[in-house]
Amino acid sequence: MFLHPVRENEVKKVAGYLKNKLTAGLDDVPEYVIKQCIDQLTTPLTDIYNSSLESGIFPDKLKIAKVLPVHKRGAAREFSNYRPILFIHSFIYFHSVDPYRVKSTLRI
């Protein structure tokens, strides 16, 4: 599948989907900071994203996640009574592709 290079306006669009959370992912960068700094981050993020698409290599640092088991209910000793909470890098969202973009590329 061929995807056209990402444009800066698309990166800004993805930033608009970020929540204004105070909590940070593994990169210790809260999403609200990314949203506030998106004008300065747009060009570097667009370059990184396009390099990833062109090379077919997803950055190793973005592949790492931390899973925290959170007790739901019942006996704390039973594994099935926990649900996973996943902590990822805030910048991983910029490697998600707009579904409309994929749909138009595939002509579905």
C-alpha atoms as a PDB file:
ATOM      1  CA  MET A   1       0.000   0.000   0.000  1.00  0.00           C
ATOM      2  CA  PHE A   2       1.343   3.420  -0.899  1.00  0.00           C
ATOM      3  CA  LEU A   3       0.640   6.419   1.304  1.00  0.00           C
ATOM      4  CA  HIS A   4       1.354   9.953   0.218  1.00  0.00           C
ATOM      5  CA  PRO A   5       3.661  11.980   2.465  1.00  0.00           C
ATOM      6  CA  VAL A   6       2.002  13.500   5.479  1.00  0.00           C
ATOM      7  CA  ARG A   7       1.380  17.224   5.343  1.00  0.00           C
ATOM      8  CA  GLU A   8       1.880  19.582   8.249  1.00  0.00           C
ATOM      9  CA  ASN A   9      -1.827  20.397   8.419  1.00  0.00           C
ATOM     10  CA  GLU A  10      -2.515  16.689   9.051  1.00  0.00           C
ATOM     11  CA  VAL A  11      -0.088  16.670  11.986  1.00  0.00           C
ATOM     12  CA  LYS A  12      -1.867  19.691  13.440  1.00  0.00           C
ATOM     13  CA  LYS A  13      -5.195  17.900  12.935  1.00  0.00           C
ATOM     14  CA  VAL A  14      -3.965  14.890  14.941  1.00  0.00           C
ATOM     15  CA  ALA A  15      -2.727  17.245  17.682  1.00  0.00           C
ATOM     16  CA  GLY A  16      -6.242  18.626  17.892  1.00  0.00           C
ATOM     17  CA  TYR A  17      -7.491  15.153  18.888  1.00  0.00           C
ATOM     18  CA  LEU A  18      -5.178  15.024  21.915  1.00  0.00           C
ATOM     19  CA  LYS A  19      -6.842  15.548  25.268  1.00  0.00           C
ATOM     20  CA  ASN A  20      -5.803  18.276  27.663  1.00  0.00           C
ATOM     21  CA  LYS A  21      -4.611  15.715  30.216  1.00  0.00           C
ATOM     22  CA  LEU A  22      -2.086  16.587  32.894  1.00  0.00           C
ATOM     23  CA  THR A  23      -0.790  13.025  33.007  1.00  0.00           C
ATOM     24  CA  ALA A  24       2.112  12.070  30.783  1.00  0.00           C
ATOM     25  CA  GLY A  25       3.037   8.936  28.920  1.00  0.00           C
ATOM     26  CA  LEU A  26       6.390   7.178  29.008  1.00  0.00           C
ATOM     27  CA  ASP A  27       8.027  10.239  27.456  1.00  0.00           C
ATOM     28  CA  ASP A  28       6.962  12.414  30.426  1.00  0.00           C
ATOM     29  CA  VAL A  29       5.341  14.904  28.038  1.00  0.00           C
ATOM     30  CA  PRO A  30       1.707  15.691  28.897  1.00  0.00           C
ATOM     31  CA  GLU A  31      -0.623  15.918  25.908  1.00  0.00           C
ATOM     32  CA  TYR A  32      -1.596  19.492  26.789  1.00  0.00           C
ATOM     33  CA  VAL A  33       2.063  20.544  26.369  1.00  0.00           C
ATOM     34  CA  ILE A  34       2.146  19.020  22.881  1.00  0.00           C
ATOM     35  CA  LYS A  35      -1.044  20.864  21.991  1.00  0.00           C
ATOM     36  CA  GLN A  36       0.364  24.165  23.262  1.00  0.00           C
ATOM     37  CA  CYS A  37       3.662  23.670  21.383  1.00  0.00           C
ATOM     38  CA  ILE A  38       2.284  22.169  18.175  1.00  0.00           C
ATOM     39  CA  ASP A  39       3.351  25.130  16.038  1.00  0.00           C
ATOM     40  CA  GLN A  40       6.991  24.456  16.959  1.00  0.00           C
ATOM     41  CA  LEU A  41       6.625  20.669  16.749  1.00  0.00           C
ATOM     42  CA  THR A  42       4.735  20.399  13.460  1.00  0.00           C
ATOM     43  CA  THR A  43       7.705  20.448  11.072  1.00  0.00           C
ATOM     44  CA  PRO A  44       9.930  18.012  13.037  1.00  0.00           C
ATOM     45  CA  LEU A  45       7.032  15.614  13.645  1.00  0.00           C
ATOM     46  CA  THR A  46       6.041  15.728   9.974  1.00  0.00           C
ATOM     47  CA  ASP A  47       9.647  14.957   8.964  1.00  0.00           C
ATOM     48  CA  ILE A  48       9.901  12.055  11.431  1.00  0.00           C
ATOM     49  CA  TYR A  49       6.566  10.636  10.339  1.00  0.00           C
ATOM     50  CA  ASN A  50       7.423  10.856   6.638  1.00  0.00           C
ATOM     51  CA  SER A  51      10.855   9.279   7.226  1.00  0.00           C
ATOM     52  CA  SER A  52       9.116   6.415   8.999  1.00  0.00           C
ATOM     53  CA  LEU A  53       6.664   5.939   6.125  1.00  0.00           C
ATOM     54  CA  GLU A  54       9.424   6.117   3.514  1.00  0.00           C
ATOM     55  CA  SER A  55      11.795   3.726   5.282  1.00  0.00           C
ATOM     56  CA  GLY A  56       9.123   1.389   6.634  1.00  0.00           C
ATOM     57  CA  ILE A  57      10.773   1.590  10.045  1.00  0.00           C
ATOM     58  CA  PHE A  58       8.743   2.482  13.109  1.00  0.00           C
ATOM     59  CA  PRO A  59      10.903   4.155  15.805  1.00  0.00           C
ATOM     60  CA  ASP A  60      11.941   1.596  18.447  1.00  0.00           C
ATOM     61  CA  LYS A  61      11.423   4.008  21.327  1.00  0.00           C
ATOM     62  CA  LEU A  62       7.755   4.355  20.372  1.00  0.00           C
ATOM     63  CA  LYS A  63       7.252   0.580  20.509  1.00  0.00           C
ATOM     64  CA  ILE A  64       7.700   0.525  24.273  1.00  0.00           C
ATOM     65  CA  ALA A  65       4.695   0.596  26.576  1.00  0.00           C
ATOM     66  CA  LYS A  66       4.196   0.134  30.291  1.00  0.00           C
ATOM     67  CA  VAL A  67       1.274  -1.958  31.507  1.00  0.00           C
ATOM     68  CA  LEU A  68      -0.142  -1.347  34.952  1.00  0.00           C
ATOM     69  CA  PRO A  69      -2.585  -3.967  36.271  1.00  0.00           C
ATOM     70  CA  VAL A  70      -5.523  -2.296  38.024  1.00  0.00           C
ATOM     71  CA  HIS A  71      -7.759  -4.323  40.328  1.00  0.00           C
ATOM     72  CA  LYS A  72     -11.392  -4.383  39.157  1.00  0.00           C
ATOM     73  CA  ARG A  73     -13.211  -6.378  41.837  1.00  0.00           C
ATOM     74  CA  GLY A  74     -13.132  -9.721  43.581  1.00  0.00           C
ATOM     75  CA  ALA A  75     -10.159 -11.489  45.085  1.00  0.00           C
ATOM     76  CA  ALA A  76      -6.934  -9.543  44.622  1.00  0.00           C
ATOM     77  CA  ARG A  77      -5.020 -12.819  44.203  1.00  0.00           C
ATOM     78  CA  GLU A  78      -6.836 -13.775  40.992  1.00  0.00           C
ATOM     79  CA  PHE A  79      -5.305 -12.571  37.755  1.00  0.00           C
ATOM     80  CA  SER A  80      -8.710 -12.344  36.032  1.00  0.00           C
ATOM     81  CA  ASN A  81      -9.798  -9.637  38.484  1.00  0.00           C
ATOM     82  CA  TYR A  82      -7.398  -7.109  36.977  1.00  0.00           C
ATOM     83  CA  ARG A  83      -7.582  -4.952  33.883  1.00  0.00           C
ATOM     84  CA  PRO A  84      -4.558  -3.543  32.082  1.00  0.00           C
ATOM     85  CA  ILE A  85      -3.868   0.168  31.845  1.00  0.00           C
ATOM     86  CA  LEU A  86      -1.428   0.937  29.048  1.00  0.00           C
ATOM     87  CA  PHE A  87       1.015   3.851  29.224  1.00  0.00           C
ATOM     88  CA  ILE A  88       2.430   4.819  25.842  1.00  0.00           C
ATOM     89  CA  HIS A  89       4.399   7.744  24.467  1.00  0.00           C
ATOM     90  CA  SER A  90       2.306  10.825  23.746  1.00  0.00           C
ATOM     91  CA  PHE A  91       3.945  11.120  20.338  1.00  0.00           C
ATOM     92  CA  ILE A  92       2.641   7.719  19.224  1.00  0.00           C
ATOM     93  CA  TYR A  93      -0.606   9.398  18.206  1.00  0.00           C
ATOM     94  CA  PHE A  94       1.219  11.126  15.389  1.00  0.00           C
ATOM     95  CA  HIS A  95       2.035   7.738  13.876  1.00  0.00           C
ATOM     96  CA  SER A  96      -1.645   6.920  13.598  1.00  0.00           C
ATOM     97  CA  VAL A  97      -3.036   7.404  10.130  1.00  0.00           C
ATOM     98  CA  ASP A  98      -6.293   9.217   9.578  1.00  0.00           C
ATOM     99  CA  PRO A  99      -8.790   6.477   8.598  1.00  0.00           C
ATOM    100  CA  TYR A 100     -10.252   8.683   5.862  1.00  0.00           C
ATOM    101  CA  ARG A 101      -6.807   8.994   4.334  1.00  0.00           C
ATOM    102  CA  VAL A 102      -6.350   5.211   4.260  1.00  0.00           C
ATOM    103  CA  LYS A 103      -9.842   4.742   2.880  1.00  0.00           C
ATOM    104  CA  SER A 104      -9.221   7.149   0.000  1.00  0.00           C
ATOM    105  CA  THR A 105      -5.851   5.512  -0.716  1.00  0.00           C
ATOM    106  CA  LEU A 106      -7.434   2.066  -0.852  1.00  0.00           C
ATOM    107  CA  ARG A 107     -10.461   3.365  -2.779  1.00  0.00           C
ATOM    108  CA  ILE A 108     -12.920   1.497  -0.574  1.00  0.00           C
END
